[in-house]
Amino acid sequence: MIKEVIVVEGRDDITAVKRAVDAEIIAVGGFGINAKVIERIKEAQKRQGVIVLTDPDHAGEKIRRIIAKRVLGIKHAYITQKEGTKDDDIGVENASPETILRALECAKCEVKEKRNEFNIKDLIFFKLTGDNKAKERREAVGRELGIGYCNSTQFITRLNNYGITREEFVEALKRVEL
């Protein structure tokens, strides 16, 4: 059983997560997220902690940002678009139990103080931007670090906000070797 309460978008996501782990789950109802749901998430955060696991698409990121803005100290779990895609449909509900479990185990909490450990020069040096395989590399390293796939700017933000150390970053790069 996972200690934290897992927050997902909808009913099908609940089913997928329950196939992977025994946990308390809150579904926000997509963009139907309202004050009542936010209060439930705040209460869960106070009592047990919260892990947000939304779809790896624009809507999922928007829902994640809404929750993160209103509930402090939550953890973020990510699956890749490839892991969440089935028949051109992207969502947590399409991910395997192993993928969901890995994402939850790698969940990261945002750090409060502003960090500037990583910058665009790091991404250029490690060919995570400005290279024809940069997108693949970012996706692989993001998966390895548990911070998900995103564009270069967001990747730097996540590296800094989730407190990723330079050592963790370099080890993840070595493991993916693209």
N, C-alpha and C. Protein backbone atom coordinates (compact mmCIF):
# COMPACT_ATOMS: atom_id res chain seq x y z
N MET A 1 0.85 -1.20 0.00
CA MET A 1 0.00 0.00 0.00
C MET A 1 0.88 1.24 0.00
N ILE A 2 0.51 2.21 -0.79
CA ILE A 2 1.23 3.47 -0.86
C ILE A 2 0.65 4.40 0.20
N LYS A 3 1.53 5.07 0.95
CA LYS A 3 1.10 5.96 2.04
C LYS A 3 0.32 7.15 1.52
N GLU A 4 0.84 7.80 0.47
CA GLU A 4 0.21 9.01 -0.04
C GLU A 4 -1.09 8.70 -0.78
N VAL A 5 -1.93 9.73 -0.86
CA VAL A 5 -3.15 9.66 -1.66
C VAL A 5 -2.75 10.04 -3.09
N ILE A 6 -3.22 9.28 -4.06
CA ILE A 6 -2.87 9.53 -5.45
C ILE A 6 -4.01 10.31 -6.10
N VAL A 7 -3.65 11.39 -6.79
CA VAL A 7 -4.65 12.23 -7.46
C VAL A 7 -4.51 11.99 -8.96
N VAL A 8 -5.63 11.61 -9.58
CA VAL A 8 -5.67 11.34 -11.03
C VAL A 8 -6.80 12.16 -11.65
N GLU A 9 -6.91 12.08 -12.96
CA GLU A 9 -7.92 12.88 -13.66
C GLU A 9 -9.32 12.28 -13.61
N GLY A 10 -9.45 10.97 -13.86
CA GLY A 10 -10.80 10.42 -13.98
C GLY A 10 -10.94 8.98 -13.55
N ARG A 11 -12.15 8.46 -13.76
CA ARG A 11 -12.55 7.12 -13.36
C ARG A 11 -11.67 6.02 -13.93
N ASP A 12 -11.35 6.11 -15.23
CA ASP A 12 -10.52 5.08 -15.86
C ASP A 12 -9.11 5.07 -15.29
N ASP A 13 -8.62 6.24 -14.88
CA ASP A 13 -7.31 6.33 -14.26
C ASP A 13 -7.31 5.61 -12.91
N ILE A 14 -8.40 5.75 -12.17
CA ILE A 14 -8.52 5.06 -10.87
C ILE A 14 -8.38 3.56 -11.08
N THR A 15 -9.07 3.03 -12.07
CA THR A 15 -9.01 1.60 -12.37
C THR A 15 -7.59 1.17 -12.69
N ALA A 16 -6.90 1.94 -13.51
CA ALA A 16 -5.52 1.60 -13.89
C ALA A 16 -4.59 1.64 -12.69
N VAL A 17 -4.71 2.65 -11.84
CA VAL A 17 -3.84 2.77 -10.66
C VAL A 17 -4.12 1.63 -9.68
N LYS A 18 -5.39 1.28 -9.51
CA LYS A 18 -5.74 0.18 -8.59
C LYS A 18 -5.21 -1.17 -9.07
N ARG A 19 -5.00 -1.31 -10.39
CA ARG A 19 -4.37 -2.54 -10.90
C ARG A 19 -2.91 -2.61 -10.50
N ALA A 20 -2.31 -1.43 -10.26
CA ALA A 20 -0.87 -1.36 -9.96
C ALA A 20 -0.57 -1.36 -8.46
N VAL A 21 -1.38 -0.65 -7.68
CA VAL A 21 -1.09 -0.50 -6.25
C VAL A 21 -2.37 -0.42 -5.43
N ASP A 22 -2.20 -0.70 -4.15
CA ASP A 22 -3.29 -0.51 -3.20
C ASP A 22 -3.10 0.88 -2.63
N ALA A 23 -4.00 1.80 -2.93
CA ALA A 23 -3.85 3.19 -2.48
C ALA A 23 -5.19 3.89 -2.47
N GLU A 24 -5.25 4.94 -1.69
CA GLU A 24 -6.41 5.83 -1.71
C GLU A 24 -6.24 6.74 -2.92
N ILE A 25 -7.32 6.96 -3.68
CA ILE A 25 -7.22 7.73 -4.92
C ILE A 25 -8.33 8.77 -4.98
N ILE A 26 -7.97 9.95 -5.45
CA ILE A 26 -8.95 11.02 -5.69
C ILE A 26 -8.93 11.33 -7.18
N ALA A 27 -10.10 11.33 -7.80
CA ALA A 27 -10.21 11.74 -9.21
C ALA A 27 -10.76 13.16 -9.24
N VAL A 28 -10.10 14.02 -10.01
CA VAL A 28 -10.50 15.43 -10.05
C VAL A 28 -11.59 15.70 -11.09
N GLY A 29 -11.86 14.74 -11.96
CA GLY A 29 -12.90 14.96 -12.97
C GLY A 29 -12.44 15.86 -14.09
N GLY A 30 -11.17 15.73 -14.48
CA GLY A 30 -10.64 16.54 -15.57
C GLY A 30 -10.67 18.02 -15.24
N PHE A 31 -11.09 18.82 -16.21
CA PHE A 31 -11.14 20.27 -15.98
C PHE A 31 -12.30 20.65 -15.06
N GLY A 32 -13.10 19.66 -14.65
CA GLY A 32 -14.19 19.90 -13.71
C GLY A 32 -13.68 20.07 -12.29
N ILE A 33 -12.39 20.19 -12.12
CA ILE A 33 -11.79 20.36 -10.79
C ILE A 33 -12.38 21.61 -10.14
N ASN A 34 -12.89 21.44 -8.91
CA ASN A 34 -13.54 22.57 -8.24
C ASN A 34 -13.00 22.75 -6.82
N ALA A 35 -13.52 23.72 -6.12
CA ALA A 35 -13.06 24.05 -4.76
C ALA A 35 -13.22 22.88 -3.80
N LYS A 36 -14.30 22.13 -3.97
CA LYS A 36 -14.56 20.98 -3.09
C LYS A 36 -13.46 19.91 -3.27
N VAL A 37 -13.08 19.64 -4.50
CA VAL A 37 -12.03 18.66 -4.79
C VAL A 37 -10.69 19.17 -4.27
N ILE A 38 -10.41 20.44 -4.46
CA ILE A 38 -9.15 21.03 -3.96
C ILE A 38 -9.09 20.89 -2.44
N GLU A 39 -10.20 21.10 -1.76
CA GLU A 39 -10.22 20.95 -0.29
C GLU A 39 -9.93 19.51 0.12
N ARG A 40 -10.49 18.54 -0.62
CA ARG A 40 -10.19 17.12 -0.34
C ARG A 40 -8.70 16.84 -0.52
N ILE A 41 -8.11 17.41 -1.57
CA ILE A 41 -6.69 17.20 -1.84
C ILE A 41 -5.85 17.86 -0.73
N LYS A 42 -6.23 19.06 -0.30
CA LYS A 42 -5.52 19.74 0.79
C LYS A 42 -5.56 18.91 2.07
N GLU A 43 -6.72 18.37 2.37
CA GLU A 43 -6.87 17.54 3.58
C GLU A 43 -6.02 16.28 3.47
N ALA A 44 -6.03 15.66 2.31
CA ALA A 44 -5.20 14.46 2.09
C ALA A 44 -3.72 14.80 2.23
N GLN A 45 -3.32 15.96 1.72
CA GLN A 45 -1.92 16.39 1.83
C GLN A 45 -1.53 16.56 3.30
N LYS A 46 -2.41 17.15 4.09
CA LYS A 46 -2.13 17.35 5.52
C LYS A 46 -1.98 16.01 6.25
N ARG A 47 -2.84 15.08 5.93
CA ARG A 47 -2.88 13.81 6.68
C ARG A 47 -1.88 12.76 6.19
N GLN A 48 -1.72 12.62 4.87
CA GLN A 48 -0.92 11.52 4.35
C GLN A 48 0.07 11.91 3.27
N GLY A 49 -0.11 13.06 2.67
CA GLY A 49 0.69 13.42 1.51
C GLY A 49 -0.06 13.08 0.24
N VAL A 50 0.31 13.72 -0.85
CA VAL A 50 -0.38 13.54 -2.13
C VAL A 50 0.63 13.36 -3.24
N ILE A 51 0.32 12.44 -4.15
CA ILE A 51 1.09 12.27 -5.39
C ILE A 51 0.13 12.54 -6.55
N VAL A 52 0.49 13.48 -7.41
CA VAL A 52 -0.34 13.81 -8.58
C VAL A 52 0.19 13.02 -9.77
N LEU A 53 -0.70 12.26 -10.40
CA LEU A 53 -0.36 11.46 -11.59
C LEU A 53 -1.40 11.76 -12.66
N THR A 54 -1.08 12.72 -13.53
CA THR A 54 -2.02 13.10 -14.59
C THR A 54 -1.52 12.60 -15.94
N ASP A 55 -2.39 12.70 -16.93
CA ASP A 55 -2.05 12.25 -18.28
C ASP A 55 -0.86 13.03 -18.83
N PRO A 56 -0.03 12.39 -19.66
CA PRO A 56 1.14 13.06 -20.23
C PRO A 56 0.78 13.88 -21.47
N ASP A 57 -0.14 14.81 -21.28
CA ASP A 57 -0.56 15.68 -22.38
C ASP A 57 -0.77 17.10 -21.83
N HIS A 58 -1.15 18.01 -22.70
CA HIS A 58 -1.33 19.41 -22.31
C HIS A 58 -2.38 19.55 -21.21
N ALA A 59 -3.50 18.87 -21.35
CA ALA A 59 -4.56 18.96 -20.35
C ALA A 59 -4.08 18.44 -19.00
N GLY A 60 -3.37 17.34 -19.00
CA GLY A 60 -2.84 16.78 -17.75
C GLY A 60 -1.89 17.73 -17.06
N GLU A 61 -1.04 18.39 -17.85
CA GLU A 61 -0.10 19.37 -17.28
C GLU A 61 -0.84 20.57 -16.69
N LYS A 62 -1.90 20.99 -17.36
CA LYS A 62 -2.68 22.13 -16.88
C LYS A 62 -3.35 21.78 -15.55
N ILE A 63 -3.93 20.59 -15.46
CA ILE A 63 -4.56 20.15 -14.22
C ILE A 63 -3.51 20.05 -13.11
N ARG A 64 -2.35 19.51 -13.42
CA ARG A 64 -1.24 19.39 -12.46
C ARG A 64 -0.86 20.78 -11.92
N ARG A 65 -0.76 21.77 -12.81
CA ARG A 65 -0.40 23.13 -12.39
C ARG A 65 -1.47 23.75 -11.49
N ILE A 66 -2.74 23.51 -11.81
CA ILE A 66 -3.83 24.02 -10.99
C ILE A 66 -3.72 23.48 -9.57
N ILE A 67 -3.48 22.17 -9.46
CA ILE A 67 -3.37 21.54 -8.14
C ILE A 67 -2.14 22.05 -7.40
N ALA A 68 -1.00 22.08 -8.08
CA ALA A 68 0.26 22.50 -7.45
C ALA A 68 0.20 23.94 -6.95
N LYS A 69 -0.55 24.78 -7.64
CA LYS A 69 -0.68 26.18 -7.26
C LYS A 69 -1.48 26.31 -5.97
N ARG A 70 -2.44 25.41 -5.76
CA ARG A 70 -3.35 25.53 -4.63
C ARG A 70 -3.00 24.63 -3.44
N VAL A 71 -2.20 23.57 -3.69
CA VAL A 71 -1.85 22.63 -2.62
C VAL A 71 -0.32 22.51 -2.58
N LEU A 72 0.28 23.01 -1.53
CA LEU A 72 1.74 23.02 -1.44
C LEU A 72 2.30 21.69 -0.94
N GLY A 73 3.51 21.37 -1.40
CA GLY A 73 4.24 20.20 -0.90
C GLY A 73 3.86 18.88 -1.52
N ILE A 74 3.05 18.89 -2.57
CA ILE A 74 2.66 17.63 -3.20
C ILE A 74 3.82 17.05 -4.00
N LYS A 75 3.73 15.75 -4.26
CA LYS A 75 4.70 15.07 -5.12
C LYS A 75 4.11 14.92 -6.51
N HIS A 76 4.99 14.81 -7.49
CA HIS A 76 4.56 14.66 -8.88
C HIS A 76 5.12 13.35 -9.44
N ALA A 77 4.24 12.56 -10.05
CA ALA A 77 4.65 11.32 -10.72
C ALA A 77 4.31 11.47 -12.20
N TYR A 78 5.18 10.93 -13.05
CA TYR A 78 5.01 11.09 -14.49
C TYR A 78 5.14 9.76 -15.22
N ILE A 79 4.33 9.62 -16.27
CA ILE A 79 4.54 8.57 -17.26
C ILE A 79 4.82 9.27 -18.58
N THR A 80 5.48 8.57 -19.49
CA THR A 80 5.76 9.18 -20.79
C THR A 80 4.55 9.03 -21.70
N GLN A 81 4.54 9.83 -22.78
CA GLN A 81 3.45 9.71 -23.75
C GLN A 81 3.43 8.31 -24.35
N LYS A 82 4.61 7.77 -24.62
CA LYS A 82 4.68 6.42 -25.20
C LYS A 82 4.07 5.39 -24.24
N GLU A 83 4.38 5.51 -22.95
CA GLU A 83 3.86 4.57 -21.95
C GLU A 83 2.35 4.71 -21.76
N GLY A 84 1.81 5.90 -22.05
CA GLY A 84 0.39 6.15 -21.83
C GLY A 84 -0.45 6.18 -23.09
N THR A 85 0.11 5.70 -24.21
CA THR A 85 -0.63 5.76 -25.48
C THR A 85 -1.07 4.37 -25.92
N LYS A 86 -2.34 4.29 -26.28
CA LYS A 86 -2.91 3.06 -26.82
C LYS A 86 -3.94 3.46 -27.87
N ASP A 87 -3.77 3.00 -29.08
CA ASP A 87 -4.70 3.32 -30.17
C ASP A 87 -4.95 4.83 -30.29
N ASP A 88 -3.89 5.61 -30.32
CA ASP A 88 -3.95 7.08 -30.45
C ASP A 88 -4.64 7.80 -29.29
N ASP A 89 -4.84 7.10 -28.18
CA ASP A 89 -5.44 7.70 -26.99
C ASP A 89 -4.34 7.80 -25.93
N ILE A 90 -4.14 9.01 -25.38
CA ILE A 90 -3.10 9.22 -24.38
C ILE A 90 -3.74 9.38 -23.01
N GLY A 91 -3.26 8.57 -22.05
CA GLY A 91 -3.77 8.72 -20.69
C GLY A 91 -3.18 7.70 -19.73
N VAL A 92 -3.26 8.00 -18.47
CA VAL A 92 -2.79 7.10 -17.41
C VAL A 92 -3.51 5.76 -17.53
N GLU A 93 -4.76 5.79 -17.95
CA GLU A 93 -5.54 4.56 -18.05
C GLU A 93 -4.95 3.53 -19.02
N ASN A 94 -4.07 3.99 -19.92
CA ASN A 94 -3.44 3.08 -20.90
C ASN A 94 -2.10 2.53 -20.43
N ALA A 95 -1.58 3.01 -19.32
CA ALA A 95 -0.27 2.58 -18.84
C ALA A 95 -0.35 1.23 -18.14
N SER A 96 0.73 0.48 -18.23
CA SER A 96 0.78 -0.82 -17.56
C SER A 96 0.93 -0.62 -16.05
N PRO A 97 0.54 -1.62 -15.26
CA PRO A 97 0.72 -1.53 -13.81
C PRO A 97 2.19 -1.28 -13.43
N GLU A 98 3.12 -1.88 -14.16
CA GLU A 98 4.55 -1.70 -13.88
C GLU A 98 4.97 -0.24 -14.10
N THR A 99 4.46 0.36 -15.17
CA THR A 99 4.77 1.75 -15.47
C THR A 99 4.23 2.67 -14.39
N ILE A 100 3.00 2.44 -13.96
CA ILE A 100 2.38 3.26 -12.92
C ILE A 100 3.15 3.12 -11.61
N LEU A 101 3.50 1.89 -11.25
CA LEU A 101 4.26 1.66 -10.02
C LEU A 101 5.61 2.38 -10.07
N ARG A 102 6.31 2.29 -11.20
CA ARG A 102 7.60 2.96 -11.34
C ARG A 102 7.44 4.47 -11.20
N ALA A 103 6.41 5.02 -11.84
CA ALA A 103 6.17 6.46 -11.76
C ALA A 103 5.91 6.90 -10.32
N LEU A 104 5.12 6.13 -9.59
CA LEU A 104 4.82 6.47 -8.20
C LEU A 104 6.05 6.35 -7.31
N GLU A 105 6.86 5.34 -7.56
CA GLU A 105 8.09 5.16 -6.78
C GLU A 105 9.09 6.28 -7.04
N CYS A 106 9.05 6.87 -8.23
CA CYS A 106 9.98 7.95 -8.59
C CYS A 106 9.40 9.33 -8.36
N ALA A 107 8.24 9.43 -7.71
CA ALA A 107 7.57 10.72 -7.51
C ALA A 107 8.51 11.72 -6.84
N LYS A 108 8.45 12.95 -7.32
CA LYS A 108 9.32 14.02 -6.83
C LYS A 108 8.48 15.14 -6.21
N CYS A 109 9.06 15.74 -5.18
CA CYS A 109 8.44 16.89 -4.53
C CYS A 109 9.16 18.15 -4.97
N GLU A 110 8.40 19.22 -5.21
CA GLU A 110 9.03 20.49 -5.58
C GLU A 110 9.73 21.08 -4.38
N VAL A 111 10.90 21.66 -4.62
CA VAL A 111 11.63 22.33 -3.54
C VAL A 111 11.15 23.78 -3.46
N LYS A 112 11.15 24.33 -2.25
CA LYS A 112 10.62 25.68 -2.07
C LYS A 112 11.60 26.78 -2.47
N GLU A 113 12.86 26.63 -2.13
CA GLU A 113 13.80 27.70 -2.48
C GLU A 113 14.17 27.62 -3.95
N LYS A 114 14.43 28.77 -4.53
CA LYS A 114 14.78 28.86 -5.95
C LYS A 114 16.17 28.27 -6.16
N ARG A 115 16.29 27.34 -7.09
CA ARG A 115 17.57 26.73 -7.43
C ARG A 115 17.90 27.05 -8.87
N ASN A 116 19.17 27.20 -9.14
CA ASN A 116 19.65 27.41 -10.50
C ASN A 116 20.82 26.49 -10.79
N GLU A 117 20.72 25.26 -10.31
CA GLU A 117 21.77 24.26 -10.50
C GLU A 117 21.98 23.96 -11.99
N PHE A 118 20.88 23.91 -12.73
CA PHE A 118 20.93 23.56 -14.15
C PHE A 118 20.50 24.74 -15.00
N ASN A 119 21.06 24.82 -16.21
CA ASN A 119 20.68 25.87 -17.14
C ASN A 119 20.78 25.34 -18.57
N ILE A 120 20.52 26.20 -19.54
CA ILE A 120 20.48 25.79 -20.95
C ILE A 120 21.84 25.25 -21.41
N LYS A 121 22.92 25.76 -20.84
CA LYS A 121 24.25 25.27 -21.22
C LYS A 121 24.41 23.78 -20.92
N ASP A 122 23.82 23.34 -19.80
CA ASP A 122 23.88 21.92 -19.45
C ASP A 122 23.14 21.09 -20.50
N LEU A 123 21.97 21.56 -20.92
CA LEU A 123 21.20 20.82 -21.91
C LEU A 123 21.92 20.77 -23.25
N ILE A 124 22.57 21.85 -23.62
CA ILE A 124 23.33 21.86 -24.88
C ILE A 124 24.52 20.92 -24.77
N PHE A 125 25.26 20.99 -23.67
CA PHE A 125 26.44 20.16 -23.47
C PHE A 125 26.10 18.67 -23.54
N PHE A 126 24.99 18.29 -22.90
CA PHE A 126 24.60 16.88 -22.85
C PHE A 126 23.66 16.48 -24.00
N LYS A 127 23.57 17.36 -25.00
CA LYS A 127 22.76 17.11 -26.20
C LYS A 127 21.30 16.82 -25.88
N LEU A 128 20.77 17.55 -24.91
CA LEU A 128 19.36 17.43 -24.56
C LEU A 128 18.54 18.55 -25.22
N THR A 129 19.23 19.40 -25.96
CA THR A 129 18.59 20.42 -26.80
C THR A 129 19.57 20.75 -27.93
N GLY A 130 19.04 21.21 -29.04
CA GLY A 130 19.90 21.59 -30.17
C GLY A 130 20.53 20.42 -30.90
N ASP A 131 19.94 19.26 -30.79
CA ASP A 131 20.46 18.06 -31.44
C ASP A 131 19.27 17.29 -32.00
N ASN A 132 19.46 16.56 -33.11
CA ASN A 132 18.30 15.87 -33.69
C ASN A 132 17.76 14.73 -32.83
N LYS A 133 18.50 14.28 -31.83
CA LYS A 133 17.99 13.25 -30.92
C LYS A 133 17.70 13.81 -29.54
N ALA A 134 17.67 15.13 -29.41
CA ALA A 134 17.48 15.79 -28.11
C ALA A 134 16.15 15.39 -27.47
N LYS A 135 15.09 15.37 -28.25
CA LYS A 135 13.77 15.04 -27.71
C LYS A 135 13.78 13.64 -27.11
N GLU A 136 14.36 12.67 -27.85
CA GLU A 136 14.46 11.29 -27.35
C GLU A 136 15.28 11.23 -26.07
N ARG A 137 16.39 11.97 -26.04
CA ARG A 137 17.25 11.97 -24.86
C ARG A 137 16.52 12.56 -23.65
N ARG A 138 15.85 13.71 -23.86
CA ARG A 138 15.10 14.32 -22.75
C ARG A 138 14.03 13.38 -22.23
N GLU A 139 13.35 12.71 -23.15
CA GLU A 139 12.31 11.78 -22.73
C GLU A 139 12.91 10.64 -21.91
N ALA A 140 14.01 10.08 -22.36
CA ALA A 140 14.66 8.96 -21.65
C ALA A 140 15.20 9.40 -20.29
N VAL A 141 15.88 10.55 -20.25
CA VAL A 141 16.45 11.04 -18.99
C VAL A 141 15.32 11.45 -18.04
N GLY A 142 14.29 12.09 -18.57
CA GLY A 142 13.14 12.46 -17.75
C GLY A 142 12.47 11.25 -17.14
N ARG A 143 12.37 10.19 -17.90
CA ARG A 143 11.78 8.94 -17.40
C ARG A 143 12.66 8.36 -16.30
N GLU A 144 13.95 8.35 -16.53
CA GLU A 144 14.92 7.81 -15.59
C GLU A 144 14.89 8.58 -14.27
N LEU A 145 14.75 9.89 -14.34
CA LEU A 145 14.74 10.74 -13.14
C LEU A 145 13.36 10.84 -12.50
N GLY A 146 12.34 10.38 -13.21
CA GLY A 146 10.97 10.45 -12.68
C GLY A 146 10.36 11.83 -12.79
N ILE A 147 10.84 12.65 -13.76
CA ILE A 147 10.30 14.00 -13.91
C ILE A 147 9.51 14.17 -15.20
N GLY A 148 9.34 13.10 -15.96
CA GLY A 148 8.53 13.15 -17.17
C GLY A 148 9.20 13.85 -18.34
N TYR A 149 8.51 13.84 -19.48
CA TYR A 149 9.01 14.48 -20.69
C TYR A 149 8.46 15.90 -20.78
N CYS A 150 9.28 16.81 -21.26
CA CYS A 150 8.84 18.18 -21.51
C CYS A 150 9.84 18.87 -22.43
N ASN A 151 9.53 20.09 -22.82
CA ASN A 151 10.45 20.85 -23.67
C ASN A 151 11.67 21.26 -22.85
N SER A 152 12.66 21.84 -23.49
CA SER A 152 13.92 22.19 -22.84
C SER A 152 13.75 23.14 -21.65
N THR A 153 12.96 24.17 -21.84
CA THR A 153 12.76 25.16 -20.77
C THR A 153 12.13 24.51 -19.54
N GLN A 154 11.08 23.74 -19.76
CA GLN A 154 10.40 23.06 -18.66
C GLN A 154 11.30 22.00 -18.03
N PHE A 155 12.14 21.37 -18.83
CA PHE A 155 13.07 20.35 -18.33
C PHE A 155 14.03 20.98 -17.31
N ILE A 156 14.58 22.14 -17.65
CA ILE A 156 15.48 22.85 -16.73
C ILE A 156 14.72 23.21 -15.44
N THR A 157 13.50 23.70 -15.59
CA THR A 157 12.68 24.06 -14.43
C THR A 157 12.46 22.86 -13.53
N ARG A 158 12.12 21.71 -14.11
CA ARG A 158 11.88 20.51 -13.30
C ARG A 158 13.16 20.03 -12.63
N LEU A 159 14.26 20.04 -13.35
CA LEU A 159 15.53 19.64 -12.74
C LEU A 159 15.80 20.48 -11.49
N ASN A 160 15.61 21.77 -11.61
CA ASN A 160 15.86 22.68 -10.48
C ASN A 160 14.79 22.58 -9.40
N ASN A 161 13.52 22.57 -9.79
CA ASN A 161 12.44 22.57 -8.80
C ASN A 161 12.30 21.27 -8.04
N TYR A 162 12.70 20.15 -8.63
CA TYR A 162 12.57 18.87 -7.94
C TYR A 162 13.85 18.48 -7.22
N GLY A 163 14.80 19.40 -7.15
CA GLY A 163 16.00 19.16 -6.36
C GLY A 163 16.90 18.06 -6.89
N ILE A 164 16.87 17.84 -8.19
CA ILE A 164 17.74 16.83 -8.80
C ILE A 164 19.19 17.29 -8.62
N THR A 165 20.04 16.39 -8.13
CA THR A 165 21.45 16.74 -7.97
C THR A 165 22.19 16.49 -9.28
N ARG A 166 23.33 17.11 -9.41
CA ARG A 166 24.15 16.91 -10.61
C ARG A 166 24.54 15.43 -10.72
N GLU A 167 24.82 14.79 -9.58
CA GLU A 167 25.19 13.36 -9.58
C GLU A 167 24.03 12.50 -10.11
N GLU A 168 22.81 12.77 -9.63
CA GLU A 168 21.64 12.03 -10.11
C GLU A 168 21.47 12.21 -11.61
N PHE A 169 21.65 13.44 -12.06
CA PHE A 169 21.51 13.79 -13.47
C PHE A 169 22.52 13.01 -14.32
N VAL A 170 23.78 13.04 -13.92
CA VAL A 170 24.84 12.35 -14.66
C VAL A 170 24.62 10.84 -14.66
N GLU A 171 24.20 10.29 -13.53
CA GLU A 171 23.92 8.85 -13.46
C GLU A 171 22.77 8.47 -14.39
N ALA A 172 21.74 9.29 -14.44
CA ALA A 172 20.61 9.03 -15.35
C ALA A 172 21.08 9.07 -16.80
N LEU A 173 21.93 10.03 -17.13
CA LEU A 173 22.49 10.13 -18.49
C LEU A 173 23.26 8.86 -18.85
N LYS A 174 24.06 8.37 -17.91
CA LYS A 174 24.84 7.15 -18.15
C LYS A 174 23.93 5.94 -18.38
N ARG A 175 22.83 5.87 -17.62
CA ARG A 175 21.92 4.72 -17.75
C ARG A 175 21.20 4.71 -19.10
N VAL A 176 20.92 5.88 -19.66
CA VAL A 176 20.19 5.91 -20.94
C VAL A 176 21.10 5.82 -22.14
N GLU A 177 22.29 6.36 -22.06
CA GLU A 177 23.30 6.30 -23.12
C GLU A 177 22.74 6.34 -24.53
N LEU A 178 22.11 7.44 -24.89
CA LEU A 178 21.60 7.62 -26.27
C LEU A 178 22.57 8.43 -27.08
